[in-house]
C-alpha atoms as a PDB file:
ATOM      1  CA  UNK A   1      -5.188 -19.233  27.035  1.00  0.00           C
ATOM      2  CA  UNK A   2      -4.349 -20.170  23.275  1.00  0.00           C
ATOM      3  CA  UNK A   3      -2.709 -23.641  22.598  1.00  0.00           C
ATOM      4  CA  UNK A   4       0.760 -24.055  21.101  1.00  0.00           C
ATOM      5  CA  UNK A   5       0.807 -23.394  17.389  1.00  0.00           C
ATOM      6  CA  UNK A   6       0.003 -26.457  15.392  1.00  0.00           C
ATOM      7  CA  UNK A   7       2.834 -28.564  14.031  1.00  0.00           C
ATOM      8  CA  UNK A   8       0.765 -29.903  11.129  1.00  0.00           C
ATOM      9  CA  UNK A   9       0.642 -27.731   7.893  1.00  0.00           C
ATOM     10  CA  UNK A  10      -2.942 -28.198   7.368  1.00  0.00           C
ATOM     11  CA  UNK A  11      -3.837 -27.310  10.901  1.00  0.00           C
ATOM     12  CA  UNK A  12      -1.711 -24.476  10.933  1.00  0.00           C
ATOM     13  CA  UNK A  13      -3.151 -23.179   7.804  1.00  0.00           C
ATOM     14  CA  UNK A  14      -6.873 -23.555   8.789  1.00  0.00           C
ATOM     15  CA  UNK A  15      -6.178 -22.035  12.239  1.00  0.00           C
ATOM     16  CA  UNK A  16      -4.559 -19.005  10.444  1.00  0.00           C
ATOM     17  CA  UNK A  17      -7.654 -18.773   7.966  1.00  0.00           C
ATOM     18  CA  UNK A  18     -10.053 -19.043  10.869  1.00  0.00           C
ATOM     19  CA  UNK A  19      -8.044 -16.508  13.133  1.00  0.00           C
ATOM     20  CA  UNK A  20      -8.164 -13.946  10.256  1.00  0.00           C
ATOM     21  CA  UNK A  21     -11.551 -14.477   9.508  1.00  0.00           C
ATOM     22  CA  UNK A  22     -13.031 -14.440  12.949  1.00  0.00           C
ATOM     23  CA  UNK A  23     -10.961 -11.073  13.535  1.00  0.00           C
ATOM     24  CA  UNK A  24     -12.201  -9.164  10.363  1.00  0.00           C
ATOM     25  CA  UNK A  25     -15.722 -10.492  10.694  1.00  0.00           C
ATOM     26  CA  UNK A  26     -17.150  -7.845  12.798  1.00  0.00           C
ATOM     27  CA  UNK A  27     -15.857  -5.140  10.461  1.00  0.00           C
ATOM     28  CA  UNK A  28     -17.353  -6.962   7.227  1.00  0.00           C
ATOM     29  CA  UNK A  29     -20.552  -7.329   9.035  1.00  0.00           C
ATOM     30  CA  UNK A  30     -21.348  -3.794   9.678  1.00  0.00           C
ATOM     31  CA  UNK A  31     -23.165  -1.154   7.646  1.00  0.00           C
ATOM     32  CA  UNK A  32     -20.664   1.031   6.076  1.00  0.00           C
ATOM     33  CA  UNK A  33     -22.585   4.386   5.654  1.00  0.00           C
ATOM     34  CA  UNK A  34     -19.761   6.185   7.139  1.00  0.00           C
ATOM     35  CA  UNK A  35     -16.547   5.879   4.795  1.00  0.00           C
ATOM     36  CA  UNK A  36     -14.144   5.569   7.686  1.00  0.00           C
ATOM     37  CA  UNK A  37     -15.650   2.976   9.875  1.00  0.00           C
ATOM     38  CA  UNK A  38     -13.010   0.590  10.717  1.00  0.00           C
ATOM     39  CA  UNK A  39     -11.364   0.944   7.382  1.00  0.00           C
ATOM     40  CA  UNK A  40      -7.710   0.923   8.853  1.00  0.00           C
ATOM     41  CA  UNK A  41      -8.264  -1.911  11.112  1.00  0.00           C
ATOM     42  CA  UNK A  42      -9.984  -4.175   8.645  1.00  0.00           C
ATOM     43  CA  UNK A  43      -7.052  -3.503   5.874  1.00  0.00           C
ATOM     44  CA  UNK A  44      -4.370  -4.179   8.477  1.00  0.00           C
ATOM     45  CA  UNK A  45      -5.762  -7.400   9.355  1.00  0.00           C
ATOM     46  CA  UNK A  46      -5.926  -8.194   5.515  1.00  0.00           C
ATOM     47  CA  UNK A  47      -2.321  -7.040   5.043  1.00  0.00           C
ATOM     48  CA  UNK A  48      -0.966  -8.824   8.162  1.00  0.00           C
ATOM     49  CA  UNK A  49      -2.919 -12.035   7.257  1.00  0.00           C
ATOM     50  CA  UNK A  50      -1.480 -12.016   3.788  1.00  0.00           C
ATOM     51  CA  UNK A  51       2.095 -11.438   5.353  1.00  0.00           C
ATOM     52  CA  UNK A  52       1.415 -14.431   7.790  1.00  0.00           C
ATOM     53  CA  UNK A  53       0.253 -16.410   4.936  1.00  0.00           C
ATOM     54  CA  UNK A  54       3.302 -15.868   2.887  1.00  0.00           C
ATOM     55  CA  UNK A  55       5.534 -16.682   5.942  1.00  0.00           C
ATOM     56  CA  UNK A  56       3.589 -20.123   6.554  1.00  0.00           C
ATOM     57  CA  UNK A  57       4.229 -20.838   3.034  1.00  0.00           C
ATOM     58  CA  UNK A  58       8.055 -20.125   3.415  1.00  0.00           C
ATOM     59  CA  UNK A  59       7.641 -17.214   0.736  1.00  0.00           C
ATOM     60  CA  UNK A  60       9.039 -13.862   1.020  1.00  0.00           C
ATOM     61  CA  UNK A  61       6.899 -11.563   3.406  1.00  0.00           C
ATOM     62  CA  UNK A  62       5.093  -9.766   0.635  1.00  0.00           C
ATOM     63  CA  UNK A  63       4.393 -12.750  -1.659  1.00  0.00           C
ATOM     64  CA  UNK A  64       0.618 -13.253  -1.109  1.00  0.00           C
ATOM     65  CA  UNK A  65       0.072  -9.302  -0.929  1.00  0.00           C
ATOM     66  CA  UNK A  66       1.955  -8.846  -4.272  1.00  0.00           C
ATOM     67  CA  UNK A  67       0.534 -12.045  -5.992  1.00  0.00           C
ATOM     68  CA  UNK A  68      -3.203 -12.132  -4.976  1.00  0.00           C
ATOM     69  CA  UNK A  69      -3.929  -8.552  -3.553  1.00  0.00           C
ATOM     70  CA  UNK A  70      -1.849  -6.243  -6.026  1.00  0.00           C
ATOM     71  CA  UNK A  71      -0.962  -7.972  -9.355  1.00  0.00           C
ATOM     72  CA  UNK A  72      -4.281  -8.870 -10.558  1.00  0.00           C
ATOM     73  CA  UNK A  73      -4.758  -4.904 -10.791  1.00  0.00           C
ATOM     74  CA  UNK A  74      -1.787  -4.411 -12.902  1.00  0.00           C
ATOM     75  CA  UNK A  75       0.553  -3.734  -9.827  1.00  0.00           C
ATOM     76  CA  UNK A  76       3.806  -5.217 -10.365  1.00  0.00           C
ATOM     77  CA  UNK A  77       6.027  -6.632  -7.536  1.00  0.00           C
ATOM     78  CA  UNK A  78       7.941  -3.440  -7.168  1.00  0.00           C
ATOM     79  CA  UNK A  79       4.758  -1.223  -7.043  1.00  0.00           C
ATOM     80  CA  UNK A  80       3.450  -3.717  -4.559  1.00  0.00           C
ATOM     81  CA  UNK A  81       6.370  -3.308  -2.325  1.00  0.00           C
ATOM     82  CA  UNK A  82       5.718   0.653  -2.523  1.00  0.00           C
ATOM     83  CA  UNK A  83       1.980   0.225  -1.524  1.00  0.00           C
ATOM     84  CA  UNK A  84       3.068  -2.511   1.115  1.00  0.00           C
ATOM     85  CA  UNK A  85       5.973  -0.209   2.638  1.00  0.00           C
ATOM     86  CA  UNK A  86       3.320   2.777   2.767  1.00  0.00           C
ATOM     87  CA  UNK A  87       0.422   0.571   3.966  1.00  0.00           C
ATOM     88  CA  UNK A  88       1.349  -1.834   6.694  1.00  0.00           C
ATOM     89  CA  UNK A  89       4.147   0.320   8.641  1.00  0.00           C
ATOM     90  CA  UNK A  90       1.739   3.434   8.498  1.00  0.00           C
ATOM     91  CA  UNK A  91      -1.296   1.878   9.717  1.00  0.00           C
ATOM     92  CA  UNK A  92       0.653  -0.465  12.348  1.00  0.00           C
ATOM     93  CA  UNK A  93       2.741   2.567  13.688  1.00  0.00           C
ATOM     94  CA  UNK A  94       0.756   5.631  13.348  1.00  0.00           C
ATOM     95  CA  UNK A  95      -2.588   4.395  12.189  1.00  0.00           C
ATOM     96  CA  UNK A  96      -2.327   6.102   8.828  1.00  0.00           C
ATOM     97  CA  UNK A  97      -1.169   5.320   5.446  1.00  0.00           C
ATOM     98  CA  UNK A  98       1.937   6.966   4.211  1.00  0.00           C
ATOM     99  CA  UNK A  99       2.258   8.600   0.841  1.00  0.00           C
ATOM    100  CA  UNK A 100       4.261   7.482  -1.867  1.00  0.00           C
ATOM    101  CA  UNK A 101       6.768   9.551  -3.811  1.00  0.00           C
ATOM    102  CA  UNK A 102       7.941   7.969  -7.043  1.00  0.00           C
ATOM    103  CA  UNK A 103      10.076  10.405  -8.718  1.00  0.00           C
ATOM    104  CA  UNK A 104       8.388  13.644  -8.725  1.00  0.00           C
ATOM    105  CA  UNK A 105       5.099  12.051  -8.457  1.00  0.00           C
ATOM    106  CA  UNK A 106       3.420  11.929  -5.024  1.00  0.00           C
ATOM    107  CA  UNK A 107       0.315  10.261  -4.075  1.00  0.00           C
ATOM    108  CA  UNK A 108      -1.544   8.897  -0.858  1.00  0.00           C
ATOM    109  CA  UNK A 109      -3.282   5.710  -0.021  1.00  0.00           C
ATOM    110  CA  UNK A 110      -7.154   5.995   0.685  1.00  0.00           C
ATOM    111  CA  UNK A 111      -8.702   3.042   2.085  1.00  0.00           C
ATOM    112  CA  UNK A 112     -12.474   2.696   2.135  1.00  0.00           C
ATOM    113  CA  UNK A 113     -15.501   0.615   1.642  1.00  0.00           C
ATOM    114  CA  UNK A 114     -16.349   0.912  -1.947  1.00  0.00           C
ATOM    115  CA  UNK A 115     -16.749   4.618  -2.502  1.00  0.00           C
ATOM    116  CA  UNK A 116     -14.544   4.165  -5.661  1.00  0.00           C
ATOM    117  CA  UNK A 117     -13.385   1.218  -7.659  1.00  0.00           C
ATOM    118  CA  UNK A 118     -10.514  -0.787  -5.959  1.00  0.00           C
ATOM    119  CA  UNK A 119      -6.986   0.303  -7.219  1.00  0.00           C
ATOM    120  CA  UNK A 120      -8.568   3.579  -8.949  1.00  0.00           C
ATOM    121  CA  UNK A 121      -6.372   6.780  -9.180  1.00  0.00           C
ATOM    122  CA  UNK A 122      -8.624   9.347  -7.336  1.00  0.00           C
ATOM    123  CA  UNK A 123      -8.204  13.143  -7.837  1.00  0.00           C
ATOM    124  CA  UNK A 124     -10.510  15.664  -6.190  1.00  0.00           C
ATOM    125  CA  UNK A 125     -10.075  19.201  -6.171  1.00  0.00           C
ATOM    126  CA  UNK A 126      -8.075  20.616  -3.025  1.00  0.00           C
ATOM    127  CA  UNK A 127      -7.014  17.109  -2.157  1.00  0.00           C
ATOM    128  CA  UNK A 128      -3.580  15.109  -3.008  1.00  0.00           C
ATOM    129  CA  UNK A 129      -4.085  12.489  -5.513  1.00  0.00           C
ATOM    130  CA  UNK A 130      -4.872   8.989  -4.137  1.00  0.00           C
ATOM    131  CA  UNK A 131      -4.845   5.354  -4.954  1.00  0.00           C
ATOM    132  CA  UNK A 132      -8.060   3.868  -3.587  1.00  0.00           C
ATOM    133  CA  UNK A 133      -7.771   0.671  -1.879  1.00  0.00           C
ATOM    134  CA  UNK A 134     -11.110  -0.878  -1.235  1.00  0.00           C
ATOM    135  CA  UNK A 135     -11.159  -3.317   1.940  1.00  0.00           C
ATOM    136  CA  UNK A 136     -14.175  -5.492   0.663  1.00  0.00           C
ATOM    137  CA  UNK A 137     -12.044  -6.290  -2.536  1.00  0.00           C
ATOM    138  CA  UNK A 138      -8.806  -6.835  -0.547  1.00  0.00           C
ATOM    139  CA  UNK A 139     -10.819  -9.125   1.842  1.00  0.00           C
ATOM    140  CA  UNK A 140     -12.107 -11.032  -1.206  1.00  0.00           C
ATOM    141  CA  UNK A 141      -8.548 -11.508  -2.743  1.00  0.00           C
ATOM    142  CA  UNK A 142      -7.215 -12.814   0.411  1.00  0.00           C
ATOM    143  CA  UNK A 143     -10.071 -15.269   0.773  1.00  0.00           C
ATOM    144  CA  UNK A 144      -9.125 -16.082  -2.831  1.00  0.00           C
ATOM    145  CA  UNK A 145      -5.623 -16.754  -1.983  1.00  0.00           C
ATOM    146  CA  UNK A 146      -6.521 -19.008   1.011  1.00  0.00           C
ATOM    147  CA  UNK A 147      -8.875 -20.938  -1.345  1.00  0.00           C
ATOM    148  CA  UNK A 148      -6.148 -21.358  -4.026  1.00  0.00           C
ATOM    149  CA  UNK A 149      -3.679 -22.540  -1.427  1.00  0.00           C
ATOM    150  CA  UNK A 150      -6.326 -24.868   0.111  1.00  0.00           C
ATOM    151  CA  UNK A 151      -7.013 -26.413  -3.299  1.00  0.00           C
ATOM    152  CA  UNK A 152      -3.489 -27.120  -3.734  1.00  0.00           C
ATOM    153  CA  UNK A 153      -2.980 -28.345  -0.399  1.00  0.00           C
ATOM    154  CA  UNK A 154      -5.972 -31.003  -1.103  1.00  0.00           C
ATOM    155  CA  UNK A 155      -4.345 -32.113  -4.230  1.00  0.00           C
ATOM    156  CA  UNK A 156      -0.444 -32.081  -2.779  1.00  0.00           C
ATOM    157  CA  UNK A 157      -0.306 -32.253   0.620  1.00  0.00           C
ATOM    158  CA  UNK A 158       3.123 -33.379   0.555  1.00  0.00           C
ATOM    159  CA  UNK A 159       4.256 -30.290  -1.039  1.00  0.00           C
ATOM    160  CA  UNK A 160       3.408 -28.109   2.062  1.00  0.00           C
ATOM    161  CA  UNK A 161       5.514 -28.295   5.564  1.00  0.00           C
ATOM    162  CA  UNK A 162       5.553 -25.868   8.491  1.00  0.00           C
ATOM    163  CA  UNK A 163       8.757 -23.717   8.186  1.00  0.00           C
ATOM    164  CA  UNK A 164      11.388 -24.584  10.794  1.00  0.00           C
ATOM    165  CA  UNK A 165      11.138 -21.216  12.501  1.00  0.00           C
ATOM    166  CA  UNK A 166       7.619 -20.676  12.093  1.00  0.00           C
ATOM    167  CA  UNK A 167       6.710 -20.648  15.937  1.00  0.00           C
ATOM    168  CA  UNK A 168      10.186 -19.926  17.402  1.00  0.00           C
ATOM    169  CA  UNK A 169       9.894 -17.769  20.689  1.00  0.00           C
ATOM    170  CA  UNK A 170      11.357 -14.204  20.598  1.00  0.00           C
ATOM    171  CA  UNK A 171      14.672 -13.752  22.655  1.00  0.00           C
ATOM    172  CA  UNK A 172      14.120 -11.345  25.469  1.00  0.00           C
ATOM    173  CA  UNK A 173      16.664  -8.558  26.250  1.00  0.00           C
ATOM    174  CA  UNK A 174      19.366  -9.645  28.566  1.00  0.00           C
ATOM    175  CA  UNK A 175      18.239  -6.933  30.929  1.00  0.00           C
ATOM    176  CA  UNK A 176      14.775  -8.035  31.090  1.00  0.00           C
ATOM    177  CA  UNK A 177      15.558 -11.585  32.197  1.00  0.00           C
ATOM    178  CA  UNK A 178      15.524 -10.624  36.047  1.00  0.00           C
ATOM    179  CA  UNK A 179      11.997  -9.244  35.527  1.00  0.00           C
ATOM    180  CA  UNK A 180      10.180 -12.013  33.763  1.00  0.00           C
ATOM    181  CA  UNK A 181      11.780 -14.546  36.210  1.00  0.00           C
ATOM    182  CA  UNK A 182      10.279 -12.453  39.294  1.00  0.00           C
ATOM    183  CA  UNK A 183       6.806 -12.017  37.206  1.00  0.00           C
ATOM    184  CA  UNK A 184       6.472 -15.809  36.485  1.00  0.00           C
ATOM    185  CA  UNK A 185       7.913 -17.006  39.802  1.00  0.00           C
ATOM    186  CA  UNK A 186       5.436 -14.926  41.792  1.00  0.00           C
ATOM    187  CA  UNK A 187       2.535 -15.961  39.603  1.00  0.00           C
ATOM    188  CA  UNK A 188       2.874 -19.575  39.750  1.00  0.00           C
ATOM    189  CA  UNK A 189      -0.134 -21.761  39.042  1.00  0.00           C
ATOM    190  CA  UNK A 190      -2.179 -23.053  41.634  1.00  0.00           C
END
């Protein structure tokens, strides 16, 4: 059972950093001789981690993704939104990246473990054009974001506070309330 989310910013920040690191560690420690081993799961952890860090900072959802994972590679905010819109929902909902259509240009996102340089356009005969995303680079960039914010937190702790809605529970559907009450009434603690 997990404890309630921390109410202190530093504690929430360190908890988030630890949760993400613990969840991605098994993938990052593996030998990646096969290009597709855990690449979608690992990059989804990175993207969701960037989103969670943005939320903790009271920033727009794509702030960390855009500023730390995309912009250092020449990808502007709008392009970063396109990548995020193709990457996160695709992986979370169908476990596949979506393609991007930019006017007449169409390309796919390819995720891997260093077969190509991160953010490289890959053109192979008989295959659609791809923008290659390297999992290790994205993980290193997210760690750099945590380090940068951690350094600022050390220097200016008063500049940070947990957003008011950070741990607000989700409201259930009205129709589900009787079922929830029954479940929790029949499973009382001893």
